[in-house]
PDB file of N, CA and C in Angstrom:
ATOM      1  N   MET A   1     -11.793 -19.762  -6.764  1.00  0.00           N
ATOM      2  CA  MET A   1     -11.731 -18.344  -7.049  1.00  0.00           C
ATOM      3  C   MET A   1     -12.427 -17.586  -5.920  1.00  0.00           C
ATOM      4  N   ASP A   2     -11.847 -16.451  -5.565  1.00  0.00           N
ATOM      5  CA  ASP A   2     -12.435 -15.555  -4.578  1.00  0.00           C
ATOM      6  C   ASP A   2     -12.685 -14.208  -5.244  1.00  0.00           C
ATOM      7  N   LYS A   3     -13.812 -13.598  -4.928  1.00  0.00           N
ATOM      8  CA  LYS A   3     -14.170 -12.294  -5.487  1.00  0.00           C
ATOM      9  C   LYS A   3     -14.405 -11.320  -4.336  1.00  0.00           C
ATOM     10  N   PHE A   4     -13.912 -10.084  -4.495  1.00  0.00           N
ATOM     11  CA  PHE A   4     -14.029  -9.084  -3.442  1.00  0.00           C
ATOM     12  C   PHE A   4     -14.492  -7.755  -4.020  1.00  0.00           C
ATOM     13  N   GLU A   5     -15.382  -7.083  -3.303  1.00  0.00           N
ATOM     14  CA  GLU A   5     -15.779  -5.720  -3.644  1.00  0.00           C
ATOM     15  C   GLU A   5     -14.881  -4.788  -2.836  1.00  0.00           C
ATOM     16  N   ILE A   6     -13.859  -4.291  -3.492  1.00  0.00           N
ATOM     17  CA  ILE A   6     -12.812  -3.517  -2.826  1.00  0.00           C
ATOM     18  C   ILE A   6     -13.361  -2.302  -2.075  1.00  0.00           C
ATOM     19  N   ASN A   7     -14.364  -1.637  -2.633  1.00  0.00           N
ATOM     20  CA  ASN A   7     -14.889  -0.424  -1.991  1.00  0.00           C
ATOM     21  C   ASN A   7     -15.422  -0.674  -0.588  1.00  0.00           C
ATOM     22  N   LYS A   8     -15.794  -1.906  -0.277  1.00  0.00           N
ATOM     23  CA  LYS A   8     -16.279  -2.226   1.069  1.00  0.00           C
ATOM     24  C   LYS A   8     -15.172  -2.125   2.125  1.00  0.00           C
ATOM     25  N   PHE A   9     -13.929  -2.156   1.677  1.00  0.00           N
ATOM     26  CA  PHE A   9     -12.798  -2.151   2.604  1.00  0.00           C
ATOM     27  C   PHE A   9     -12.175  -0.767   2.777  1.00  0.00           C
ATOM     28  N   VAL A  10     -12.713   0.234   2.090  1.00  0.00           N
ATOM     29  CA  VAL A  10     -12.171   1.594   2.174  1.00  0.00           C
ATOM     30  C   VAL A  10     -12.659   2.250   3.466  1.00  0.00           C
ATOM     31  N   LYS A  11     -11.715   2.500   4.374  1.00  0.00           N
ATOM     32  CA  LYS A  11     -12.022   3.116   5.668  1.00  0.00           C
ATOM     33  C   LYS A  11     -10.877   4.043   6.040  1.00  0.00           C
ATOM     34  N   PHE A  12     -11.170   5.328   6.134  1.00  0.00           N
ATOM     35  CA  PHE A  12     -10.161   6.312   6.509  1.00  0.00           C
ATOM     36  C   PHE A  12     -10.194   6.540   8.016  1.00  0.00           C
ATOM     37  N   SER A  13      -9.054   6.931   8.561  1.00  0.00           N
ATOM     38  CA  SER A  13      -8.953   7.239   9.985  1.00  0.00           C
ATOM     39  C   SER A  13      -8.194   8.547  10.158  1.00  0.00           C
ATOM     40  N   GLU A  14      -8.685   9.380  11.036  1.00  0.00           N
ATOM     41  CA  GLU A  14      -7.985  10.629  11.352  1.00  0.00           C
ATOM     42  C   GLU A  14      -6.714  10.340  12.159  1.00  0.00           C
ATOM     43  N   ASP A  15      -6.638   9.162  12.774  1.00  0.00           N
ATOM     44  CA  ASP A  15      -5.511   8.812  13.637  1.00  0.00           C
ATOM     45  C   ASP A  15      -4.269   8.371  12.879  1.00  0.00           C
ATOM     46  N   GLY A  16      -4.403   8.092  11.591  1.00  0.00           N
ATOM     47  CA  GLY A  16      -3.268   7.630  10.800  1.00  0.00           C
ATOM     48  C   GLY A  16      -3.732   6.685   9.716  1.00  0.00           C
ATOM     49  N   PRO A  17      -2.792   6.208   8.901  1.00  0.00           N
ATOM     50  CA  PRO A  17      -3.157   5.277   7.831  1.00  0.00           C
ATOM     51  C   PRO A  17      -3.894   4.063   8.400  1.00  0.00           C
ATOM     52  N   SER A  18      -4.864   3.572   7.641  1.00  0.00           N
ATOM     53  CA  SER A  18      -5.591   2.377   8.077  1.00  0.00           C
ATOM     54  C   SER A  18      -5.483   1.313   7.001  1.00  0.00           C
ATOM     55  N   LYS A  19      -5.517   0.058   7.428  1.00  0.00           N
ATOM     56  CA  LYS A  19      -5.459  -1.031   6.450  1.00  0.00           C
ATOM     57  C   LYS A  19      -6.504  -2.072   6.790  1.00  0.00           C
ATOM     58  N   GLU A  20      -7.055  -2.639   5.749  1.00  0.00           N
ATOM     59  CA  GLU A  20      -8.028  -3.719   5.872  1.00  0.00           C
ATOM     60  C   GLU A  20      -7.503  -4.902   5.068  1.00  0.00           C
ATOM     61  N   ILE A  21      -7.078  -5.942   5.762  1.00  0.00           N
ATOM     62  CA  ILE A  21      -6.630  -7.159   5.083  1.00  0.00           C
ATOM     63  C   ILE A  21      -7.873  -7.930   4.671  1.00  0.00           C
ATOM     64  N   PHE A  22      -8.012  -8.196   3.376  1.00  0.00           N
ATOM     65  CA  PHE A  22      -9.198  -8.907   2.913  1.00  0.00           C
ATOM     66  C   PHE A  22      -8.878 -10.285   2.348  1.00  0.00           C
ATOM     67  N   TYR A  23      -7.600 -10.625   2.247  1.00  0.00           N
ATOM     68  CA  TYR A  23      -7.226 -11.954   1.777  1.00  0.00           C
ATOM     69  C   TYR A  23      -5.880 -12.301   2.391  1.00  0.00           C
ATOM     70  N   ASN A  24      -5.776 -13.510   2.964  1.00  0.00           N
ATOM     71  CA  ASN A  24      -4.521 -13.948   3.560  1.00  0.00           C
ATOM     72  C   ASN A  24      -4.503 -15.472   3.588  1.00  0.00           C
ATOM     73  N   LYS A  25      -4.214 -16.046   2.428  1.00  0.00           N
ATOM     74  CA  LYS A  25      -4.179 -17.508   2.298  1.00  0.00           C
ATOM     75  C   LYS A  25      -2.976 -17.913   1.465  1.00  0.00           C
ATOM     76  N   GLY A  26      -2.445 -19.066   1.792  1.00  0.00           N
ATOM     77  CA  GLY A  26      -1.325 -19.579   1.009  1.00  0.00           C
ATOM     78  C   GLY A  26      -0.170 -18.593   1.015  1.00  0.00           C
ATOM     79  N   ASP A  27       0.335 -18.279  -0.165  1.00  0.00           N
ATOM     80  CA  ASP A  27       1.477 -17.381  -0.295  1.00  0.00           C
ATOM     81  C   ASP A  27       1.083 -15.962  -0.676  1.00  0.00           C
ATOM     82  N   LEU A  28      -0.179 -15.590  -0.453  1.00  0.00           N
ATOM     83  CA  LEU A  28      -0.662 -14.280  -0.891  1.00  0.00           C
ATOM     84  C   LEU A  28      -1.423 -13.562   0.222  1.00  0.00           C
ATOM     85  N   LYS A  29      -1.124 -12.277   0.366  1.00  0.00           N
ATOM     86  CA  LYS A  29      -1.831 -11.424   1.324  1.00  0.00           C
ATOM     87  C   LYS A  29      -2.214 -10.141   0.589  1.00  0.00           C
ATOM     88  N   ALA A  30      -3.492  -9.751   0.677  1.00  0.00           N
ATOM     89  CA  ALA A  30      -3.964  -8.541  -0.003  1.00  0.00           C
ATOM     90  C   ALA A  30      -4.686  -7.650   0.990  1.00  0.00           C
ATOM     91  N   GLN A  31      -4.475  -6.355   0.839  1.00  0.00           N
ATOM     92  CA  GLN A  31      -5.093  -5.400   1.748  1.00  0.00           C
ATOM     93  C   GLN A  31      -5.374  -4.084   1.037  1.00  0.00           C
ATOM     94  N   ILE A  32      -6.297  -3.321   1.609  1.00  0.00           N
ATOM     95  CA  ILE A  32      -6.564  -1.962   1.167  1.00  0.00           C
ATOM     96  C   ILE A  32      -5.962  -1.028   2.210  1.00  0.00           C
ATOM     97  N   LEU A  33      -5.147  -0.109   1.752  1.00  0.00           N
ATOM     98  CA  LEU A  33      -4.503   0.883   2.599  1.00  0.00           C
ATOM     99  C   LEU A  33      -5.143   2.237   2.302  1.00  0.00           C
ATOM    100  N   CYS A  34      -5.627   2.914   3.329  1.00  0.00           N
ATOM    101  CA  CYS A  34      -6.252   4.232   3.174  1.00  0.00           C
ATOM    102  C   CYS A  34      -5.445   5.256   3.963  1.00  0.00           C
ATOM    103  N   MET A  35      -5.133   6.367   3.300  1.00  0.00           N
ATOM    104  CA  MET A  35      -4.370   7.438   3.931  1.00  0.00           C
ATOM    105  C   MET A  35      -5.061   8.771   3.660  1.00  0.00           C
ATOM    106  N   LYS A  36      -5.293   9.533   4.705  1.00  0.00           N
ATOM    107  CA  LYS A  36      -5.817  10.892   4.555  1.00  0.00           C
ATOM    108  C   LYS A  36      -4.674  11.799   4.093  1.00  0.00           C
ATOM    109  N   ALA A  37      -5.035  12.897   3.424  1.00  0.00           N
ATOM    110  CA  ALA A  37      -4.032  13.858   2.970  1.00  0.00           C
ATOM    111  C   ALA A  37      -3.136  14.270   4.135  1.00  0.00           C
ATOM    112  N   GLY A  38      -1.828  14.237   3.898  1.00  0.00           N
ATOM    113  CA  GLY A  38      -0.858  14.617   4.917  1.00  0.00           C
ATOM    114  C   GLY A  38      -0.357  13.472   5.775  1.00  0.00           C
ATOM    115  N   GLN A  39      -1.013  12.326   5.731  1.00  0.00           N
ATOM    116  CA  GLN A  39      -0.562  11.183   6.532  1.00  0.00           C
ATOM    117  C   GLN A  39       0.650  10.517   5.876  1.00  0.00           C
ATOM    118  N   THR A  40       1.445   9.873   6.699  1.00  0.00           N
ATOM    119  CA  THR A  40       2.646   9.199   6.214  1.00  0.00           C
ATOM    120  C   THR A  40       2.743   7.796   6.799  1.00  0.00           C
ATOM    121  N   ILE A  41       3.487   6.982   6.104  1.00  0.00           N
ATOM    122  CA  ILE A  41       3.950   5.703   6.640  1.00  0.00           C
ATOM    123  C   ILE A  41       5.457   5.872   6.764  1.00  0.00           C
ATOM    124  N   PRO A  42       5.984   5.827   7.974  1.00  0.00           N
ATOM    125  CA  PRO A  42       7.417   6.066   8.149  1.00  0.00           C
ATOM    126  C   PRO A  42       8.250   4.961   7.508  1.00  0.00           C
ATOM    127  N   PRO A  43       9.531   5.238   7.276  1.00  0.00           N
ATOM    128  CA  PRO A  43      10.400   4.231   6.668  1.00  0.00           C
ATOM    129  C   PRO A  43      10.350   2.916   7.446  1.00  0.00           C
ATOM    130  N   CYS A  44      10.239   1.832   6.696  1.00  0.00           N
ATOM    131  CA  CYS A  44      10.240   0.502   7.303  1.00  0.00           C
ATOM    132  C   CYS A  44      10.772  -0.508   6.295  1.00  0.00           C
ATOM    133  N   LYS A  45      11.140  -1.660   6.783  1.00  0.00           N
ATOM    134  CA  LYS A  45      11.664  -2.752   5.961  1.00  0.00           C
ATOM    135  C   LYS A  45      10.578  -3.792   5.803  1.00  0.00           C
ATOM    136  N   MET A  46      10.364  -4.262   4.577  1.00  0.00           N
ATOM    137  CA  MET A  46       9.387  -5.319   4.306  1.00  0.00           C
ATOM    138  C   MET A  46      10.131  -6.647   4.164  1.00  0.00           C
ATOM    139  N   ASN A  47       9.545  -7.699   4.687  1.00  0.00           N
ATOM    140  CA  ASN A  47      10.156  -9.023   4.579  1.00  0.00           C
ATOM    141  C   ASN A  47       9.696  -9.780   3.345  1.00  0.00           C
ATOM    142  N   ASN A  48       8.744  -9.188   2.609  1.00  0.00           N
ATOM    143  CA  ASN A  48       8.179  -9.853   1.432  1.00  0.00           C
ATOM    144  C   ASN A  48       8.176  -8.897   0.249  1.00  0.00           C
ATOM    145  N   ASP A  49       8.172  -9.470  -0.960  1.00  0.00           N
ATOM    146  CA  ASP A  49       7.935  -8.665  -2.151  1.00  0.00           C
ATOM    147  C   ASP A  49       6.521  -8.114  -2.051  1.00  0.00           C
ATOM    148  N   VAL A  50       6.322  -6.861  -2.484  1.00  0.00           N
ATOM    149  CA  VAL A  50       4.992  -6.256  -2.394  1.00  0.00           C
ATOM    150  C   VAL A  50       4.705  -5.421  -3.637  1.00  0.00           C
ATOM    151  N   LEU A  51       3.447  -5.466  -4.062  1.00  0.00           N
ATOM    152  CA  LEU A  51       2.955  -4.638  -5.154  1.00  0.00           C
ATOM    153  C   LEU A  51       1.950  -3.665  -4.565  1.00  0.00           C
ATOM    154  N   PHE A  52       2.109  -2.380  -4.874  1.00  0.00           N
ATOM    155  CA  PHE A  52       1.136  -1.360  -4.499  1.00  0.00           C
ATOM    156  C   PHE A  52       0.503  -0.820  -5.773  1.00  0.00           C
ATOM    157  N   TYR A  53      -0.826  -0.728  -5.782  1.00  0.00           N
ATOM    158  CA  TYR A  53      -1.568  -0.170  -6.913  1.00  0.00           C
ATOM    159  C   TYR A  53      -2.414   0.980  -6.385  1.00  0.00           C
ATOM    160  N   THR A  54      -2.223   2.167  -6.946  1.00  0.00           N
ATOM    161  CA  THR A  54      -2.969   3.343  -6.501  1.00  0.00           C
ATOM    162  C   THR A  54      -4.352   3.339  -7.131  1.00  0.00           C
ATOM    163  N   VAL A  55      -5.370   3.192  -6.301  1.00  0.00           N
ATOM    164  CA  VAL A  55      -6.758   3.187  -6.755  1.00  0.00           C
ATOM    165  C   VAL A  55      -7.266   4.623  -6.861  1.00  0.00           C
ATOM    166  N   GLU A  56      -7.018   5.415  -5.816  1.00  0.00           N
ATOM    167  CA  GLU A  56      -7.470   6.813  -5.757  1.00  0.00           C
ATOM    168  C   GLU A  56      -6.405   7.658  -5.088  1.00  0.00           C
ATOM    169  N   GLY A  57      -6.370   8.935  -5.468  1.00  0.00           N
ATOM    170  CA  GLY A  57      -5.538   9.903  -4.776  1.00  0.00           C
ATOM    171  C   GLY A  57      -4.165  10.083  -5.377  1.00  0.00           C
ATOM    172  N   GLU A  58      -3.393  10.924  -4.700  1.00  0.00           N
ATOM    173  CA  GLU A  58      -2.053  11.268  -5.160  1.00  0.00           C
ATOM    174  C   GLU A  58      -1.113  11.326  -3.970  1.00  0.00           C
ATOM    175  N   GLY A  59       0.084  10.795  -4.172  1.00  0.00           N
ATOM    176  CA  GLY A  59       1.076  10.818  -3.111  1.00  0.00           C
ATOM    177  C   GLY A  59       2.429  10.444  -3.654  1.00  0.00           C
ATOM    178  N   GLU A  60       3.286   9.999  -2.762  1.00  0.00           N
ATOM    179  CA  GLU A  60       4.610   9.571  -3.205  1.00  0.00           C
ATOM    180  C   GLU A  60       5.098   8.425  -2.331  1.00  0.00           C
ATOM    181  N   ILE A  61       5.961   7.642  -2.931  1.00  0.00           N
ATOM    182  CA  ILE A  61       6.588   6.534  -2.224  1.00  0.00           C
ATOM    183  C   ILE A  61       8.088   6.685  -2.385  1.00  0.00           C
ATOM    184  N   THR A  62       8.808   6.418  -1.319  1.00  0.00           N
ATOM    185  CA  THR A  62      10.262   6.432  -1.364  1.00  0.00           C
ATOM    186  C   THR A  62      10.743   5.035  -1.007  1.00  0.00           C
ATOM    187  N   VAL A  63      11.530   4.463  -1.898  1.00  0.00           N
ATOM    188  CA  VAL A  63      12.120   3.144  -1.677  1.00  0.00           C
ATOM    189  C   VAL A  63      13.629   3.336  -1.729  1.00  0.00           C
ATOM    190  N   ASP A  64      14.276   3.048  -0.616  1.00  0.00           N
ATOM    191  CA  ASP A  64      15.694   3.350  -0.455  1.00  0.00           C
ATOM    192  C   ASP A  64      15.886   4.836  -0.788  1.00  0.00           C
ATOM    193  N   ASP A  65      16.624   5.194  -1.802  1.00  0.00           N
ATOM    194  CA  ASP A  65      16.836   6.612  -2.130  1.00  0.00           C
ATOM    195  C   ASP A  65      16.040   7.057  -3.347  1.00  0.00           C
ATOM    196  N   ARG A  66      15.124   6.248  -3.819  1.00  0.00           N
ATOM    197  CA  ARG A  66      14.357   6.560  -5.034  1.00  0.00           C
ATOM    198  C   ARG A  66      12.931   6.963  -4.671  1.00  0.00           C
ATOM    199  N   LYS A  67      12.502   8.126  -5.184  1.00  0.00           N
ATOM    200  CA  LYS A  67      11.162   8.638  -4.916  1.00  0.00           C
ATOM    201  C   LYS A  67      10.342   8.580  -6.201  1.00  0.00           C
ATOM    202  N   GLU A  68       9.081   8.119  -6.090  1.00  0.00           N
ATOM    203  CA  GLU A  68       8.167   8.051  -7.230  1.00  0.00           C
ATOM    204  C   GLU A  68       6.827   8.654  -6.835  1.00  0.00           C
ATOM    205  N   VAL A  69       6.180   9.312  -7.800  1.00  0.00           N
ATOM    206  CA  VAL A  69       4.847   9.864  -7.594  1.00  0.00           C
ATOM    207  C   VAL A  69       3.827   8.753  -7.789  1.00  0.00           C
ATOM    208  N   LEU A  70       2.840   8.703  -6.910  1.00  0.00           N
ATOM    209  CA  LEU A  70       1.749   7.740  -7.019  1.00  0.00           C
ATOM    210  C   LEU A  70       0.489   8.480  -7.451  1.00  0.00           C
ATOM    211  N   LEU A  71      -0.097   8.039  -8.543  1.00  0.00           N
ATOM    212  CA  LEU A  71      -1.333   8.584  -9.095  1.00  0.00           C
ATOM    213  C   LEU A  71      -2.275   7.426  -9.370  1.00  0.00           C
ATOM    214  N   PRO A  72      -3.569   7.673  -9.545  1.00  0.00           N
ATOM    215  CA  PRO A  72      -4.484   6.573  -9.876  1.00  0.00           C
ATOM    216  C   PRO A  72      -4.002   5.805 -11.108  1.00  0.00           C
ATOM    217  N   GLY A  73      -3.998   4.488 -10.977  1.00  0.00           N
ATOM    218  CA  GLY A  73      -3.562   3.627 -12.066  1.00  0.00           C
ATOM    219  C   GLY A  73      -2.086   3.288 -12.041  1.00  0.00           C
ATOM    220  N   VAL A  74      -1.317   3.913 -11.153  1.00  0.00           N
ATOM    221  CA  VAL A  74       0.119   3.653 -11.061  1.00  0.00           C
ATOM    222  C   VAL A  74       0.366   2.516 -10.075  1.00  0.00           C
ATOM    223  N   SER A  75       1.248   1.609 -10.473  1.00  0.00           N
ATOM    224  CA  SER A  75       1.621   0.478  -9.631  1.00  0.00           C
ATOM    225  C   SER A  75       3.130   0.475  -9.441  1.00  0.00           C
ATOM    226  N   VAL A  76       3.567   0.117  -8.251  1.00  0.00           N
ATOM    227  CA  VAL A  76       4.993  -0.059  -7.985  1.00  0.00           C
ATOM    228  C   VAL A  76       5.187  -1.431  -7.346  1.00  0.00           C
ATOM    229  N   ILE A  77       6.289  -2.054  -7.684  1.00  0.00           N
ATOM    230  CA  ILE A  77       6.646  -3.351  -7.103  1.00  0.00           C
ATOM    231  C   ILE A  77       7.938  -3.151  -6.328  1.00  0.00           C
ATOM    232  N   ILE A  78       7.912  -3.556  -5.071  1.00  0.00           N
ATOM    233  CA  ILE A  78       9.063  -3.366  -4.199  1.00  0.00           C
ATOM    234  C   ILE A  78       9.591  -4.735  -3.785  1.00  0.00           C
ATOM    235  N   PRO A  79      10.828  -5.038  -4.150  1.00  0.00           N
ATOM    236  CA  PRO A  79      11.386  -6.334  -3.760  1.00  0.00           C
ATOM    237  C   PRO A  79      11.731  -6.356  -2.275  1.00  0.00           C
ATOM    238  N   LYS A  80      11.702  -7.529  -1.707  1.00  0.00           N
ATOM    239  CA  LYS A  80      12.007  -7.683  -0.279  1.00  0.00           C
ATOM    240  C   LYS A  80      13.424  -7.232   0.048  1.00  0.00           C
ATOM    241  N   GLU A  81      14.282  -7.180  -0.954  1.00  0.00           N
ATOM    242  CA  GLU A  81      15.665  -6.768  -0.731  1.00  0.00           C
ATOM    243  C   GLU A  81      15.801  -5.267  -0.453  1.00  0.00           C
ATOM    244  N   ALA A  82      14.761  -4.481  -0.753  1.00  0.00           N
ATOM    245  CA  ALA A  82      14.822  -3.037  -0.486  1.00  0.00           C
ATOM    246  C   ALA A  82      15.020  -2.811   1.009  1.00  0.00           C
ATOM    247  N   GLU A  83      15.870  -1.875   1.346  1.00  0.00           N
ATOM    248  CA  GLU A  83      16.180  -1.609   2.752  1.00  0.00           C
ATOM    249  C   GLU A  83      15.100  -0.798   3.457  1.00  0.00           C
ATOM    250  N   SER A  84      14.403   0.069   2.718  1.00  0.00           N
ATOM    251  CA  SER A  84      13.447   0.959   3.356  1.00  0.00           C
ATOM    252  C   SER A  84      12.393   1.410   2.359  1.00  0.00           C
ATOM    253  N   ARG A  85      11.178   1.596   2.867  1.00  0.00           N
ATOM    254  CA  ARG A  85      10.129   2.200   2.048  1.00  0.00           C
ATOM    255  C   ARG A  85       9.263   3.054   2.949  1.00  0.00           C
ATOM    256  N   SER A  86       8.789   4.168   2.392  1.00  0.00           N
ATOM    257  CA  SER A  86       7.892   5.055   3.124  1.00  0.00           C
ATOM    258  C   SER A  86       6.906   5.661   2.135  1.00  0.00           C
ATOM    259  N   MET A  87       5.774   6.178   2.649  1.00  0.00           N
ATOM    260  CA  MET A  87       4.752   6.782   1.798  1.00  0.00           C
ATOM    261  C   MET A  87       4.278   8.087   2.409  1.00  0.00           C
ATOM    262  N   TYR A  88       3.830   8.972   1.522  1.00  0.00           N
ATOM    263  CA  TYR A  88       3.244  10.244   1.926  1.00  0.00           C
ATOM    264  C   TYR A  88       2.031  10.503   1.042  1.00  0.00           C
ATOM    265  N   ALA A  89       0.899  10.860   1.636  1.00  0.00           N
ATOM    266  CA  ALA A  89      -0.328  11.142   0.886  1.00  0.00           C
ATOM    267  C   ALA A  89      -0.475  12.648   0.684  1.00  0.00           C
ATOM    268  N   ARG A  90      -0.468  13.080  -0.572  1.00  0.00           N
ATOM    269  CA  ARG A  90      -0.726  14.496  -0.888  1.00  0.00           C
ATOM    270  C   ARG A  90      -2.221  14.785  -0.803  1.00  0.00           C
ATOM    271  N   THR A  91      -3.028  13.809  -1.225  1.00  0.00           N
ATOM    272  CA  THR A  91      -4.485  13.879  -1.129  1.00  0.00           C
ATOM    273  C   THR A  91      -4.944  12.584  -0.471  1.00  0.00           C
ATOM    274  N   ASP A  92      -6.219  12.468  -0.153  1.00  0.00           N
ATOM    275  CA  ASP A  92      -6.723  11.192   0.366  1.00  0.00           C
ATOM    276  C   ASP A  92      -6.405  10.102  -0.650  1.00  0.00           C
ATOM    277  N   MET A  93      -5.884   8.980  -0.170  1.00  0.00           N
ATOM    278  CA  MET A  93      -5.451   7.903  -1.064  1.00  0.00           C
ATOM    279  C   MET A  93      -6.067   6.569  -0.667  1.00  0.00           C
ATOM    280  N   VAL A  94      -6.321   5.752  -1.688  1.00  0.00           N
ATOM    281  CA  VAL A  94      -6.712   4.357  -1.516  1.00  0.00           C
ATOM    282  C   VAL A  94      -5.721   3.540  -2.332  1.00  0.00           C
ATOM    283  N   ILE A  95      -5.060   2.590  -1.681  1.00  0.00           N
ATOM    284  CA  ILE A  95      -4.013   1.794  -2.319  1.00  0.00           C
ATOM    285  C   ILE A  95      -4.290   0.319  -2.077  1.00  0.00           C
ATOM    286  N   LEU A  96      -4.169  -0.468  -3.125  1.00  0.00           N
ATOM    287  CA  LEU A  96      -4.235  -1.922  -3.017  1.00  0.00           C
ATOM    288  C   LEU A  96      -2.816  -2.427  -2.823  1.00  0.00           C
ATOM    289  N   GLY A  97      -2.597  -3.200  -1.775  1.00  0.00           N
ATOM    290  CA  GLY A  97      -1.292  -3.797  -1.521  1.00  0.00           C
ATOM    291  C   GLY A  97      -1.393  -5.309  -1.570  1.00  0.00           C
ATOM    292  N   VAL A  98      -0.496  -5.930  -2.331  1.00  0.00           N
ATOM    293  CA  VAL A  98      -0.479  -7.385  -2.450  1.00  0.00           C
ATOM    294  C   VAL A  98       0.936  -7.867  -2.146  1.00  0.00           C
ATOM    295  N   GLN A  99       1.044  -8.776  -1.192  1.00  0.00           N
ATOM    296  CA  GLN A  99       2.344  -9.315  -0.792  1.00  0.00           C
ATOM    297  C   GLN A  99       2.466 -10.782  -1.152  1.00  0.00           C
ATOM    298  N   ALA A 100       3.651 -11.143  -1.614  1.00  0.00           N
ATOM    299  CA  ALA A 100       4.010 -12.547  -1.768  1.00  0.00           C
ATOM    300  C   ALA A 100       4.578 -12.972  -0.417  1.00  0.00           C
ATOM    301  N   VAL A 101       3.813 -13.740   0.336  1.00  0.00           N
ATOM    302  CA  VAL A 101       4.171 -14.083   1.713  1.00  0.00           C
ATOM    303  C   VAL A 101       4.981 -15.368   1.742  1.00  0.00           C
ATOM    304  N   ARG A 102       6.074 -15.306   2.473  1.00  0.00           N
ATOM    305  CA  ARG A 102       6.899 -16.498   2.658  1.00  0.00           C
ATOM    306  C   ARG A 102       6.652 -17.002   4.071  1.00  0.00           C
ATOM    307  N   ARG A 103       5.979 -18.101   4.168  1.00  0.00           N
ATOM    308  CA  ARG A 103       5.603 -18.636   5.490  1.00  0.00           C
ATOM    309  C   ARG A 103       6.553 -19.728   5.911  1.00  0.00           C
TER     310      ARG A 103
END
């Protein structure tokens, strides 16, 4: 078993979204993603299934043509088959991202 204090990985950057990978073993990769209000992650394709859990803040995620609001406590699961995903932070956001990695 591994235990992590997630708040230690929260780091915002004025230059753009920042991520801190805190676990990457076997078939699992976990990271904390921090976005300042107004920052975006442009559309991109993921090669792995991914779960995003909103820890703090408010924003939105677009997967293919579907848009969802992200609020604290909201989780979305994006299958690797999705063609595109992007994010926008309405307020400062902290997001937990967990990927099922295929090595």
